Amino acid sequence: MVADSSVFVLIGPGGVGKGTVARLLTQRDSRLWLSRSWTSRPMRTSEKGEEYVFVDRATFEAAIAANEFYEWAEFHGNLYGTPIPSPPAGTDVLLEIEVQGAAQIKSRHPGATVILLLPPSQIELESRLRGRGDSDDHVQLRLTSAATETTVGRDLADYVLINEDLETTITDLLGILENVRQSRD
């Protein structure tokens, strides 16, 4: 981990739009580097393969044993984790992770800025989950865990944003990044 990098952690319930927001943020802010997480879950039909490093459980567990993760957690029976980041010089790190992982990051790196992204409503969250091709069972599982993720996320978060309008969310996040950077300098 580069000492002069700020760490920004984007969390929120599954389906809230973290992946889209993270992708757009890194496209619009050249000083932001997205750390690509690993997962042991299968790729969704709506995914292109660049969202995660998709590995089998044995490969993931071997990386855990080798202490290669900055954070990792098991969520709904699948493993998710962030390899120890090595961002390019002069860039800040963006982590798009689960709430469990954010708690690990905060304990390891108290100066990390945690941003909780929330949906405008449960109905919209359900619509987004279905829109990405999740099964009915998985949608229900995600909706059930969203309440806990939101409660825990609010306790961890330095900022809370409602992802109702994507452009507004990106503009607000770019402002947060700039404010954190200015306070760091």
N, C-alpha and C. Protein backbone atom coordinates (compact mmCIF):
# COMPACT_ATOMS: atom_id res chain seq x y z
N MET A 1 0.85 -1.18 0.00
CA MET A 1 0.00 0.00 0.00
C MET A 1 0.89 1.23 0.00
N VAL A 2 0.63 2.15 -0.92
CA VAL A 2 1.42 3.37 -1.01
C VAL A 2 1.01 4.32 0.11
N ALA A 3 1.99 4.83 0.84
CA ALA A 3 1.73 5.63 2.03
C ALA A 3 1.01 6.93 1.74
N ASP A 4 1.25 7.55 0.59
CA ASP A 4 0.63 8.85 0.33
C ASP A 4 -0.72 8.75 -0.37
N SER A 5 -1.27 7.57 -0.48
CA SER A 5 -2.59 7.38 -1.11
C SER A 5 -3.69 7.47 -0.07
N SER A 6 -4.78 8.12 -0.44
CA SER A 6 -6.00 8.05 0.36
C SER A 6 -6.73 6.78 -0.05
N VAL A 7 -7.48 6.23 0.88
CA VAL A 7 -8.28 5.05 0.59
C VAL A 7 -9.74 5.44 0.72
N PHE A 8 -10.50 5.23 -0.38
CA PHE A 8 -11.93 5.48 -0.41
C PHE A 8 -12.62 4.13 -0.54
N VAL A 9 -13.61 3.90 0.32
CA VAL A 9 -14.30 2.62 0.36
C VAL A 9 -15.77 2.85 0.04
N LEU A 10 -16.22 2.26 -1.07
CA LEU A 10 -17.61 2.39 -1.51
C LEU A 10 -18.35 1.11 -1.11
N ILE A 11 -19.38 1.28 -0.25
CA ILE A 11 -20.15 0.15 0.24
C ILE A 11 -21.64 0.40 -0.01
N GLY A 12 -22.43 -0.64 0.13
CA GLY A 12 -23.88 -0.54 0.01
C GLY A 12 -24.46 -1.89 -0.33
N PRO A 13 -25.76 -2.02 -0.21
CA PRO A 13 -26.41 -3.29 -0.52
C PRO A 13 -26.18 -3.70 -1.96
N GLY A 14 -26.19 -5.00 -2.21
CA GLY A 14 -26.08 -5.51 -3.57
C GLY A 14 -27.19 -4.93 -4.43
N GLY A 15 -26.85 -4.48 -5.64
CA GLY A 15 -27.83 -3.94 -6.56
C GLY A 15 -27.99 -2.43 -6.47
N VAL A 16 -27.27 -1.78 -5.54
CA VAL A 16 -27.43 -0.34 -5.37
C VAL A 16 -26.71 0.45 -6.48
N GLY A 17 -25.79 -0.20 -7.18
CA GLY A 17 -25.08 0.48 -8.27
C GLY A 17 -23.62 0.77 -8.00
N LYS A 18 -23.05 0.09 -7.01
CA LYS A 18 -21.65 0.36 -6.65
C LYS A 18 -20.70 0.17 -7.84
N GLY A 19 -20.89 -0.89 -8.60
CA GLY A 19 -20.00 -1.17 -9.72
C GLY A 19 -20.06 -0.09 -10.79
N THR A 20 -21.24 0.33 -11.13
CA THR A 20 -21.41 1.40 -12.13
C THR A 20 -20.79 2.69 -11.62
N VAL A 21 -21.07 3.03 -10.38
CA VAL A 21 -20.54 4.26 -9.78
C VAL A 21 -19.01 4.20 -9.74
N ALA A 22 -18.45 3.09 -9.30
CA ALA A 22 -16.99 2.96 -9.22
C ALA A 22 -16.35 3.11 -10.60
N ARG A 23 -16.94 2.48 -11.60
CA ARG A 23 -16.41 2.57 -12.97
C ARG A 23 -16.42 4.01 -13.47
N LEU A 24 -17.54 4.70 -13.27
CA LEU A 24 -17.64 6.09 -13.72
C LEU A 24 -16.71 7.02 -12.96
N LEU A 25 -16.56 6.79 -11.66
CA LEU A 25 -15.64 7.62 -10.87
C LEU A 25 -14.21 7.51 -11.39
N THR A 26 -13.77 6.28 -11.66
CA THR A 26 -12.39 6.12 -12.14
C THR A 26 -12.21 6.65 -13.55
N GLN A 27 -13.27 6.67 -14.34
CA GLN A 27 -13.19 7.27 -15.68
C GLN A 27 -13.08 8.79 -15.60
N ARG A 28 -13.71 9.38 -14.60
CA ARG A 28 -13.76 10.84 -14.50
C ARG A 28 -12.71 11.45 -13.59
N ASP A 29 -12.02 10.62 -12.83
CA ASP A 29 -10.99 11.12 -11.91
C ASP A 29 -9.71 10.33 -12.14
N SER A 30 -8.77 10.93 -12.84
CA SER A 30 -7.52 10.23 -13.20
C SER A 30 -6.64 9.95 -11.99
N ARG A 31 -6.95 10.57 -10.85
CA ARG A 31 -6.17 10.33 -9.63
C ARG A 31 -6.73 9.19 -8.79
N LEU A 32 -7.72 8.48 -9.34
CA LEU A 32 -8.39 7.41 -8.60
C LEU A 32 -8.14 6.07 -9.28
N TRP A 33 -7.68 5.11 -8.50
CA TRP A 33 -7.36 3.77 -9.00
C TRP A 33 -8.28 2.76 -8.32
N LEU A 34 -9.02 1.99 -9.13
CA LEU A 34 -9.95 0.99 -8.59
C LEU A 34 -9.24 -0.34 -8.40
N SER A 35 -9.24 -0.80 -7.16
CA SER A 35 -8.70 -2.11 -6.85
C SER A 35 -9.74 -3.16 -7.23
N ARG A 36 -9.35 -4.10 -8.02
CA ARG A 36 -10.28 -5.14 -8.50
C ARG A 36 -10.34 -6.28 -7.50
N SER A 37 -11.53 -6.51 -6.98
CA SER A 37 -11.74 -7.56 -5.98
C SER A 37 -11.82 -8.94 -6.62
N TRP A 38 -11.61 -9.93 -5.80
CA TRP A 38 -11.77 -11.33 -6.19
C TRP A 38 -13.10 -11.83 -5.64
N THR A 39 -13.65 -12.86 -6.29
CA THR A 39 -14.81 -13.56 -5.75
C THR A 39 -14.78 -15.02 -6.18
N SER A 40 -15.38 -15.85 -5.34
CA SER A 40 -15.51 -17.27 -5.68
C SER A 40 -16.88 -17.56 -6.28
N ARG A 41 -17.74 -16.54 -6.40
CA ARG A 41 -19.07 -16.78 -6.97
C ARG A 41 -18.97 -16.86 -8.49
N PRO A 42 -19.93 -17.54 -9.11
CA PRO A 42 -19.93 -17.58 -10.57
C PRO A 42 -20.30 -16.22 -11.16
N MET A 43 -19.85 -15.98 -12.38
CA MET A 43 -20.17 -14.76 -13.07
C MET A 43 -21.66 -14.75 -13.44
N ARG A 44 -22.31 -13.59 -13.26
CA ARG A 44 -23.71 -13.44 -13.67
C ARG A 44 -23.76 -13.29 -15.19
N THR A 45 -24.90 -13.61 -15.75
CA THR A 45 -25.06 -13.47 -17.20
C THR A 45 -24.95 -12.02 -17.63
N SER A 46 -25.24 -11.08 -16.74
CA SER A 46 -25.17 -9.66 -17.07
C SER A 46 -23.75 -9.10 -16.96
N GLU A 47 -22.80 -9.89 -16.48
CA GLU A 47 -21.43 -9.42 -16.28
C GLU A 47 -20.55 -9.76 -17.48
N LYS A 48 -19.50 -8.95 -17.65
CA LYS A 48 -18.57 -9.11 -18.77
C LYS A 48 -17.28 -9.81 -18.37
N GLY A 49 -17.06 -9.99 -17.06
CA GLY A 49 -15.84 -10.64 -16.60
C GLY A 49 -14.80 -9.68 -16.07
N GLU A 50 -15.05 -8.38 -16.19
CA GLU A 50 -14.10 -7.39 -15.68
C GLU A 50 -14.50 -6.85 -14.31
N GLU A 51 -15.66 -7.25 -13.82
CA GLU A 51 -16.18 -6.76 -12.55
C GLU A 51 -15.37 -7.28 -11.36
N TYR A 52 -14.93 -8.52 -11.46
CA TYR A 52 -14.14 -9.18 -10.41
C TYR A 52 -13.09 -10.04 -11.09
N VAL A 53 -12.16 -10.50 -10.30
CA VAL A 53 -11.34 -11.63 -10.70
C VAL A 53 -12.12 -12.84 -10.19
N PHE A 54 -12.66 -13.61 -11.11
CA PHE A 54 -13.48 -14.77 -10.76
C PHE A 54 -12.57 -15.99 -10.62
N VAL A 55 -12.57 -16.59 -9.42
CA VAL A 55 -11.72 -17.75 -9.16
C VAL A 55 -12.55 -18.81 -8.44
N ASP A 56 -12.06 -20.04 -8.44
CA ASP A 56 -12.76 -21.06 -7.68
C ASP A 56 -12.42 -20.92 -6.20
N ARG A 57 -13.20 -21.58 -5.37
CA ARG A 57 -13.04 -21.45 -3.92
C ARG A 57 -11.64 -21.88 -3.45
N ALA A 58 -11.10 -22.95 -4.02
CA ALA A 58 -9.78 -23.43 -3.61
C ALA A 58 -8.69 -22.39 -3.88
N THR A 59 -8.78 -21.72 -5.02
CA THR A 59 -7.80 -20.68 -5.36
C THR A 59 -7.92 -19.51 -4.39
N PHE A 60 -9.15 -19.14 -4.08
CA PHE A 60 -9.38 -18.04 -3.15
C PHE A 60 -8.83 -18.40 -1.77
N GLU A 61 -9.13 -19.61 -1.30
CA GLU A 61 -8.66 -20.03 0.03
C GLU A 61 -7.14 -20.11 0.10
N ALA A 62 -6.50 -20.48 -1.01
CA ALA A 62 -5.03 -20.50 -1.05
C ALA A 62 -4.48 -19.08 -0.90
N ALA A 63 -5.13 -18.09 -1.52
CA ALA A 63 -4.70 -16.70 -1.39
C ALA A 63 -4.90 -16.19 0.04
N ILE A 64 -5.98 -16.63 0.70
CA ILE A 64 -6.19 -16.28 2.11
C ILE A 64 -5.04 -16.83 2.94
N ALA A 65 -4.73 -18.11 2.73
CA ALA A 65 -3.66 -18.77 3.50
C ALA A 65 -2.31 -18.08 3.28
N ALA A 66 -2.11 -17.52 2.09
CA ALA A 66 -0.85 -16.83 1.77
C ALA A 66 -0.87 -15.37 2.21
N ASN A 67 -1.94 -14.95 2.90
CA ASN A 67 -2.08 -13.58 3.42
C ASN A 67 -1.98 -12.52 2.31
N GLU A 68 -2.68 -12.78 1.19
CA GLU A 68 -2.61 -11.90 0.04
C GLU A 68 -3.73 -10.86 -0.01
N PHE A 69 -4.64 -10.87 0.99
CA PHE A 69 -5.77 -9.97 0.94
C PHE A 69 -5.66 -8.83 1.95
N TYR A 70 -6.10 -7.66 1.53
CA TYR A 70 -6.24 -6.48 2.38
C TYR A 70 -7.45 -6.69 3.29
N GLU A 71 -8.50 -7.28 2.71
CA GLU A 71 -9.71 -7.66 3.43
C GLU A 71 -10.36 -8.78 2.66
N TRP A 72 -11.14 -9.60 3.37
CA TRP A 72 -11.94 -10.63 2.70
C TRP A 72 -13.07 -11.02 3.63
N ALA A 73 -14.13 -11.56 3.04
CA ALA A 73 -15.29 -11.98 3.82
C ALA A 73 -16.06 -13.03 3.03
N GLU A 74 -16.84 -13.81 3.78
CA GLU A 74 -17.77 -14.72 3.14
C GLU A 74 -19.14 -14.08 3.22
N PHE A 75 -19.83 -14.04 2.08
CA PHE A 75 -21.12 -13.39 2.00
C PHE A 75 -22.04 -14.24 1.15
N HIS A 76 -23.15 -14.68 1.72
CA HIS A 76 -24.12 -15.54 1.04
C HIS A 76 -23.43 -16.77 0.41
N GLY A 77 -22.49 -17.34 1.16
CA GLY A 77 -21.85 -18.59 0.72
C GLY A 77 -20.72 -18.43 -0.27
N ASN A 78 -20.40 -17.21 -0.65
CA ASN A 78 -19.28 -16.96 -1.58
C ASN A 78 -18.24 -16.09 -0.90
N LEU A 79 -17.02 -16.25 -1.34
CA LEU A 79 -15.91 -15.45 -0.80
C LEU A 79 -15.69 -14.22 -1.68
N TYR A 80 -15.41 -13.10 -1.02
CA TYR A 80 -15.10 -11.84 -1.70
C TYR A 80 -13.88 -11.26 -1.00
N GLY A 81 -12.98 -10.65 -1.74
CA GLY A 81 -11.82 -10.06 -1.09
C GLY A 81 -11.08 -9.09 -1.99
N THR A 82 -10.30 -8.24 -1.33
CA THR A 82 -9.47 -7.25 -2.01
C THR A 82 -8.01 -7.62 -1.82
N PRO A 83 -7.30 -7.90 -2.91
CA PRO A 83 -5.86 -8.13 -2.77
C PRO A 83 -5.19 -6.88 -2.19
N ILE A 84 -4.07 -7.06 -1.52
CA ILE A 84 -3.34 -5.91 -0.98
C ILE A 84 -3.05 -4.96 -2.14
N PRO A 85 -3.56 -3.72 -2.06
CA PRO A 85 -3.45 -2.81 -3.20
C PRO A 85 -2.02 -2.34 -3.48
N SER A 86 -1.71 -2.17 -4.75
CA SER A 86 -0.47 -1.52 -5.19
C SER A 86 -0.84 -0.52 -6.28
N PRO A 87 -1.38 0.62 -5.85
CA PRO A 87 -1.81 1.62 -6.83
C PRO A 87 -0.61 2.30 -7.49
N PRO A 88 -0.81 2.81 -8.70
CA PRO A 88 0.25 3.60 -9.32
C PRO A 88 0.57 4.81 -8.45
N ALA A 89 1.80 5.28 -8.50
CA ALA A 89 2.21 6.44 -7.71
C ALA A 89 1.33 7.64 -8.03
N GLY A 90 0.98 8.38 -6.99
CA GLY A 90 0.19 9.59 -7.18
C GLY A 90 -1.30 9.36 -7.31
N THR A 91 -1.76 8.13 -7.10
CA THR A 91 -3.20 7.86 -7.19
C THR A 91 -3.74 7.44 -5.83
N ASP A 92 -5.02 7.65 -5.68
CA ASP A 92 -5.74 7.20 -4.48
C ASP A 92 -6.44 5.90 -4.82
N VAL A 93 -6.74 5.12 -3.79
CA VAL A 93 -7.34 3.79 -3.96
C VAL A 93 -8.84 3.87 -3.74
N LEU A 94 -9.59 3.25 -4.65
CA LEU A 94 -11.03 3.09 -4.48
C LEU A 94 -11.31 1.60 -4.32
N LEU A 95 -11.97 1.25 -3.22
CA LEU A 95 -12.39 -0.13 -2.98
C LEU A 95 -13.91 -0.18 -3.08
N GLU A 96 -14.42 -1.09 -3.88
CA GLU A 96 -15.86 -1.32 -4.00
C GLU A 96 -16.10 -2.68 -3.35
N ILE A 97 -16.57 -2.67 -2.09
CA ILE A 97 -16.58 -3.90 -1.31
C ILE A 97 -17.85 -4.04 -0.48
N GLU A 98 -17.96 -5.19 0.18
CA GLU A 98 -19.07 -5.48 1.08
C GLU A 98 -18.83 -4.79 2.43
N VAL A 99 -19.90 -4.63 3.20
CA VAL A 99 -19.83 -3.97 4.50
C VAL A 99 -18.85 -4.68 5.44
N GLN A 100 -18.84 -6.02 5.42
CA GLN A 100 -17.91 -6.76 6.30
C GLN A 100 -16.47 -6.38 6.00
N GLY A 101 -16.15 -6.26 4.73
CA GLY A 101 -14.80 -5.88 4.33
C GLY A 101 -14.47 -4.46 4.75
N ALA A 102 -15.45 -3.56 4.66
CA ALA A 102 -15.23 -2.17 5.06
C ALA A 102 -14.85 -2.08 6.53
N ALA A 103 -15.47 -2.90 7.36
CA ALA A 103 -15.13 -2.90 8.79
C ALA A 103 -13.67 -3.32 8.98
N GLN A 104 -13.22 -4.30 8.20
CA GLN A 104 -11.81 -4.73 8.28
C GLN A 104 -10.87 -3.61 7.84
N ILE A 105 -11.25 -2.91 6.76
CA ILE A 105 -10.42 -1.82 6.26
C ILE A 105 -10.32 -0.71 7.30
N LYS A 106 -11.46 -0.34 7.90
CA LYS A 106 -11.44 0.72 8.92
C LYS A 106 -10.58 0.35 10.11
N SER A 107 -10.58 -0.91 10.50
CA SER A 107 -9.75 -1.30 11.65
C SER A 107 -8.27 -1.31 11.26
N ARG A 108 -7.96 -1.63 10.03
CA ARG A 108 -6.58 -1.65 9.54
C ARG A 108 -6.09 -0.27 9.12
N HIS A 109 -7.00 0.53 8.61
CA HIS A 109 -6.66 1.84 8.03
C HIS A 109 -7.72 2.85 8.49
N PRO A 110 -7.62 3.32 9.75
CA PRO A 110 -8.66 4.20 10.31
C PRO A 110 -8.91 5.47 9.50
N GLY A 111 -7.94 5.91 8.72
CA GLY A 111 -8.10 7.11 7.92
C GLY A 111 -8.87 6.90 6.63
N ALA A 112 -9.25 5.67 6.33
CA ALA A 112 -10.00 5.39 5.11
C ALA A 112 -11.34 6.12 5.17
N THR A 113 -11.79 6.60 4.03
CA THR A 113 -13.08 7.29 3.92
C THR A 113 -14.11 6.31 3.38
N VAL A 114 -15.12 6.02 4.20
CA VAL A 114 -16.16 5.06 3.82
C VAL A 114 -17.40 5.82 3.35
N ILE A 115 -17.88 5.44 2.16
CA ILE A 115 -19.04 6.07 1.56
C ILE A 115 -20.11 5.00 1.36
N LEU A 116 -21.25 5.18 2.02
CA LEU A 116 -22.36 4.25 1.91
C LEU A 116 -23.30 4.73 0.81
N LEU A 117 -23.53 3.88 -0.16
CA LEU A 117 -24.44 4.16 -1.25
C LEU A 117 -25.74 3.40 -0.99
N LEU A 118 -26.86 4.12 -1.00
CA LEU A 118 -28.16 3.49 -0.73
C LEU A 118 -29.10 3.68 -1.91
N PRO A 119 -30.06 2.77 -2.06
CA PRO A 119 -31.06 2.93 -3.12
C PRO A 119 -32.12 3.94 -2.68
N PRO A 120 -32.86 4.50 -3.63
CA PRO A 120 -33.93 5.43 -3.24
C PRO A 120 -35.08 4.73 -2.50
N SER A 121 -35.24 3.41 -2.73
CA SER A 121 -36.30 2.65 -2.06
C SER A 121 -36.01 1.16 -2.20
N GLN A 122 -36.70 0.36 -1.38
CA GLN A 122 -36.58 -1.10 -1.49
C GLN A 122 -37.14 -1.60 -2.82
N ILE A 123 -38.20 -0.94 -3.29
CA ILE A 123 -38.79 -1.33 -4.57
C ILE A 123 -37.78 -1.13 -5.70
N GLU A 124 -37.08 0.00 -5.68
CA GLU A 124 -36.06 0.27 -6.70
C GLU A 124 -34.90 -0.72 -6.57
N LEU A 125 -34.51 -1.05 -5.35
CA LEU A 125 -33.44 -2.02 -5.15
C LEU A 125 -33.84 -3.36 -5.74
N GLU A 126 -35.05 -3.80 -5.46
CA GLU A 126 -35.52 -5.06 -6.02
C GLU A 126 -35.51 -5.02 -7.55
N SER A 127 -35.94 -3.93 -8.12
CA SER A 127 -35.95 -3.78 -9.57
C SER A 127 -34.54 -3.87 -10.15
N ARG A 128 -33.59 -3.24 -9.49
CA ARG A 128 -32.20 -3.29 -9.96
C ARG A 128 -31.63 -4.70 -9.86
N LEU A 129 -31.94 -5.40 -8.78
CA LEU A 129 -31.46 -6.77 -8.62
C LEU A 129 -32.03 -7.67 -9.72
N ARG A 130 -33.30 -7.53 -9.97
CA ARG A 130 -33.92 -8.33 -11.03
C ARG A 130 -33.36 -7.95 -12.40
N GLY A 131 -33.09 -6.66 -12.58
CA GLY A 131 -32.57 -6.18 -13.85
C GLY A 131 -31.19 -6.69 -14.20
N ARG A 132 -30.44 -7.09 -13.18
CA ARG A 132 -29.11 -7.63 -13.47
C ARG A 132 -29.13 -9.16 -13.61
N GLY A 133 -30.33 -9.73 -13.54
CA GLY A 133 -30.48 -11.16 -13.81
C GLY A 133 -30.42 -12.07 -12.60
N ASP A 134 -30.53 -11.52 -11.39
CA ASP A 134 -30.50 -12.37 -10.20
C ASP A 134 -31.76 -13.23 -10.13
N SER A 135 -31.62 -14.44 -9.62
CA SER A 135 -32.76 -15.35 -9.45
C SER A 135 -33.68 -14.82 -8.35
N ASP A 136 -34.93 -15.30 -8.32
CA ASP A 136 -35.88 -14.88 -7.29
C ASP A 136 -35.34 -15.14 -5.89
N ASP A 137 -34.76 -16.33 -5.69
CA ASP A 137 -34.20 -16.67 -4.37
C ASP A 137 -33.08 -15.71 -3.98
N HIS A 138 -32.21 -15.40 -4.95
CA HIS A 138 -31.09 -14.51 -4.66
C HIS A 138 -31.59 -13.08 -4.39
N VAL A 139 -32.59 -12.64 -5.13
CA VAL A 139 -33.16 -11.32 -4.90
C VAL A 139 -33.69 -11.23 -3.47
N GLN A 140 -34.43 -12.25 -3.03
CA GLN A 140 -34.98 -12.24 -1.68
C GLN A 140 -33.87 -12.26 -0.63
N LEU A 141 -32.82 -13.05 -0.87
CA LEU A 141 -31.68 -13.11 0.04
C LEU A 141 -31.01 -11.74 0.14
N ARG A 142 -30.80 -11.09 -1.00
CA ARG A 142 -30.17 -9.76 -1.01
C ARG A 142 -31.04 -8.72 -0.33
N LEU A 143 -32.35 -8.76 -0.57
CA LEU A 143 -33.24 -7.79 0.07
C LEU A 143 -33.26 -7.97 1.58
N THR A 144 -33.23 -9.22 2.03
CA THR A 144 -33.20 -9.51 3.46
C THR A 144 -31.92 -8.97 4.10
N SER A 145 -30.79 -9.16 3.42
CA SER A 145 -29.52 -8.71 4.00
C SER A 145 -29.32 -7.19 3.85
N ALA A 146 -30.06 -6.55 2.96
CA ALA A 146 -29.90 -5.11 2.73
C ALA A 146 -30.14 -4.29 3.99
N ALA A 147 -31.10 -4.69 4.81
CA ALA A 147 -31.39 -3.94 6.03
C ALA A 147 -30.20 -3.97 6.98
N THR A 148 -29.60 -5.14 7.16
CA THR A 148 -28.43 -5.26 8.04
C THR A 148 -27.25 -4.50 7.46
N GLU A 149 -27.03 -4.66 6.15
CA GLU A 149 -25.92 -3.95 5.50
C GLU A 149 -26.07 -2.44 5.66
N THR A 150 -27.30 -1.95 5.56
CA THR A 150 -27.55 -0.52 5.69
C THR A 150 -27.28 -0.05 7.12
N THR A 151 -27.75 -0.81 8.10
CA THR A 151 -27.53 -0.44 9.50
C THR A 151 -26.04 -0.43 9.84
N VAL A 152 -25.35 -1.50 9.50
CA VAL A 152 -23.91 -1.58 9.77
C VAL A 152 -23.17 -0.52 8.97
N GLY A 153 -23.58 -0.35 7.70
CA GLY A 153 -22.94 0.64 6.84
C GLY A 153 -23.05 2.05 7.37
N ARG A 154 -24.20 2.39 7.92
CA ARG A 154 -24.38 3.74 8.50
C ARG A 154 -23.41 3.97 9.65
N ASP A 155 -23.15 2.93 10.45
CA ASP A 155 -22.21 3.06 11.57
C ASP A 155 -20.77 3.26 11.08
N LEU A 156 -20.43 2.66 9.94
CA LEU A 156 -19.07 2.75 9.41
C LEU A 156 -18.83 3.99 8.55
N ALA A 157 -19.90 4.48 7.93
CA ALA A 157 -19.76 5.48 6.87
C ALA A 157 -19.40 6.87 7.37
N ASP A 158 -18.53 7.50 6.59
CA ASP A 158 -18.24 8.91 6.78
C ASP A 158 -19.23 9.76 5.98
N TYR A 159 -19.76 9.18 4.91
CA TYR A 159 -20.73 9.85 4.03
C TYR A 159 -21.79 8.84 3.61
N VAL A 160 -23.03 9.31 3.46
CA VAL A 160 -24.13 8.47 2.99
C VAL A 160 -24.78 9.20 1.81
N LEU A 161 -24.91 8.48 0.68
CA LEU A 161 -25.53 9.05 -0.51
C LEU A 161 -26.64 8.13 -1.00
N ILE A 162 -27.73 8.74 -1.47
CA ILE A 162 -28.82 7.98 -2.09
C ILE A 162 -28.54 7.98 -3.60
N ASN A 163 -28.41 6.80 -4.18
CA ASN A 163 -28.13 6.67 -5.61
C ASN A 163 -29.45 6.64 -6.39
N GLU A 164 -30.06 7.82 -6.49
CA GLU A 164 -31.32 7.93 -7.23
C GLU A 164 -31.05 8.35 -8.66
N ASP A 165 -30.20 9.37 -8.82
CA ASP A 165 -29.83 9.88 -10.14
C ASP A 165 -28.32 9.71 -10.28
N LEU A 166 -27.90 8.92 -11.25
CA LEU A 166 -26.49 8.55 -11.40
C LEU A 166 -25.59 9.77 -11.53
N GLU A 167 -25.95 10.73 -12.36
CA GLU A 167 -25.10 11.92 -12.55
C GLU A 167 -24.95 12.72 -11.26
N THR A 168 -26.03 12.87 -10.51
CA THR A 168 -25.97 13.58 -9.23
C THR A 168 -25.07 12.82 -8.26
N THR A 169 -25.20 11.51 -8.22
CA THR A 169 -24.37 10.69 -7.33
C THR A 169 -22.89 10.85 -7.67
N ILE A 170 -22.56 10.79 -8.96
CA ILE A 170 -21.16 10.93 -9.38
C ILE A 170 -20.64 12.32 -9.02
N THR A 171 -21.41 13.35 -9.29
CA THR A 171 -21.00 14.73 -8.96
C THR A 171 -20.76 14.86 -7.46
N ASP A 172 -21.68 14.33 -6.65
CA ASP A 172 -21.52 14.39 -5.19
C ASP A 172 -20.27 13.64 -4.74
N LEU A 173 -20.03 12.48 -5.32
CA LEU A 173 -18.85 11.70 -4.94
C LEU A 173 -17.56 12.40 -5.34
N LEU A 174 -17.51 12.99 -6.51
CA LEU A 174 -16.31 13.73 -6.93
C LEU A 174 -16.03 14.88 -5.96
N GLY A 175 -17.09 15.52 -5.46
CA GLY A 175 -16.93 16.56 -4.46
C GLY A 175 -16.38 16.02 -3.15
N ILE A 176 -16.86 14.86 -2.73
CA ILE A 176 -16.35 14.23 -1.51
C ILE A 176 -14.86 13.91 -1.66
N LEU A 177 -14.49 13.31 -2.80
CA LEU A 177 -13.08 12.97 -3.02
C LEU A 177 -12.22 14.22 -2.92
N GLU A 178 -12.65 15.29 -3.56
CA GLU A 178 -11.87 16.54 -3.55
C GLU A 178 -11.76 17.11 -2.14
N ASN A 179 -12.86 17.10 -1.38
CA ASN A 179 -12.82 17.61 0.00
C ASN A 179 -11.85 16.80 0.86
N VAL A 180 -11.87 15.49 0.73
CA VAL A 180 -10.97 14.63 1.51
C VAL A 180 -9.52 14.92 1.11
N ARG A 181 -9.27 15.05 -0.18
CA ARG A 181 -7.90 15.34 -0.65
C ARG A 181 -7.41 16.68 -0.13
N GLN A 182 -8.27 17.69 -0.15
CA GLN A 182 -7.88 19.01 0.34
C GLN A 182 -7.58 18.98 1.84
N SER A 183 -8.33 18.22 2.59
CA SER A 183 -8.08 18.13 4.02
C SER A 183 -6.80 17.35 4.32
N ARG A 184 -6.40 16.49 3.39
CA ARG A 184 -5.18 15.68 3.54
C ARG A 184 -3.94 16.53 3.26
N ASP A 185 -4.05 17.44 2.30
CA ASP A 185 -2.89 18.23 1.86
C ASP A 185 -2.45 19.28 2.82
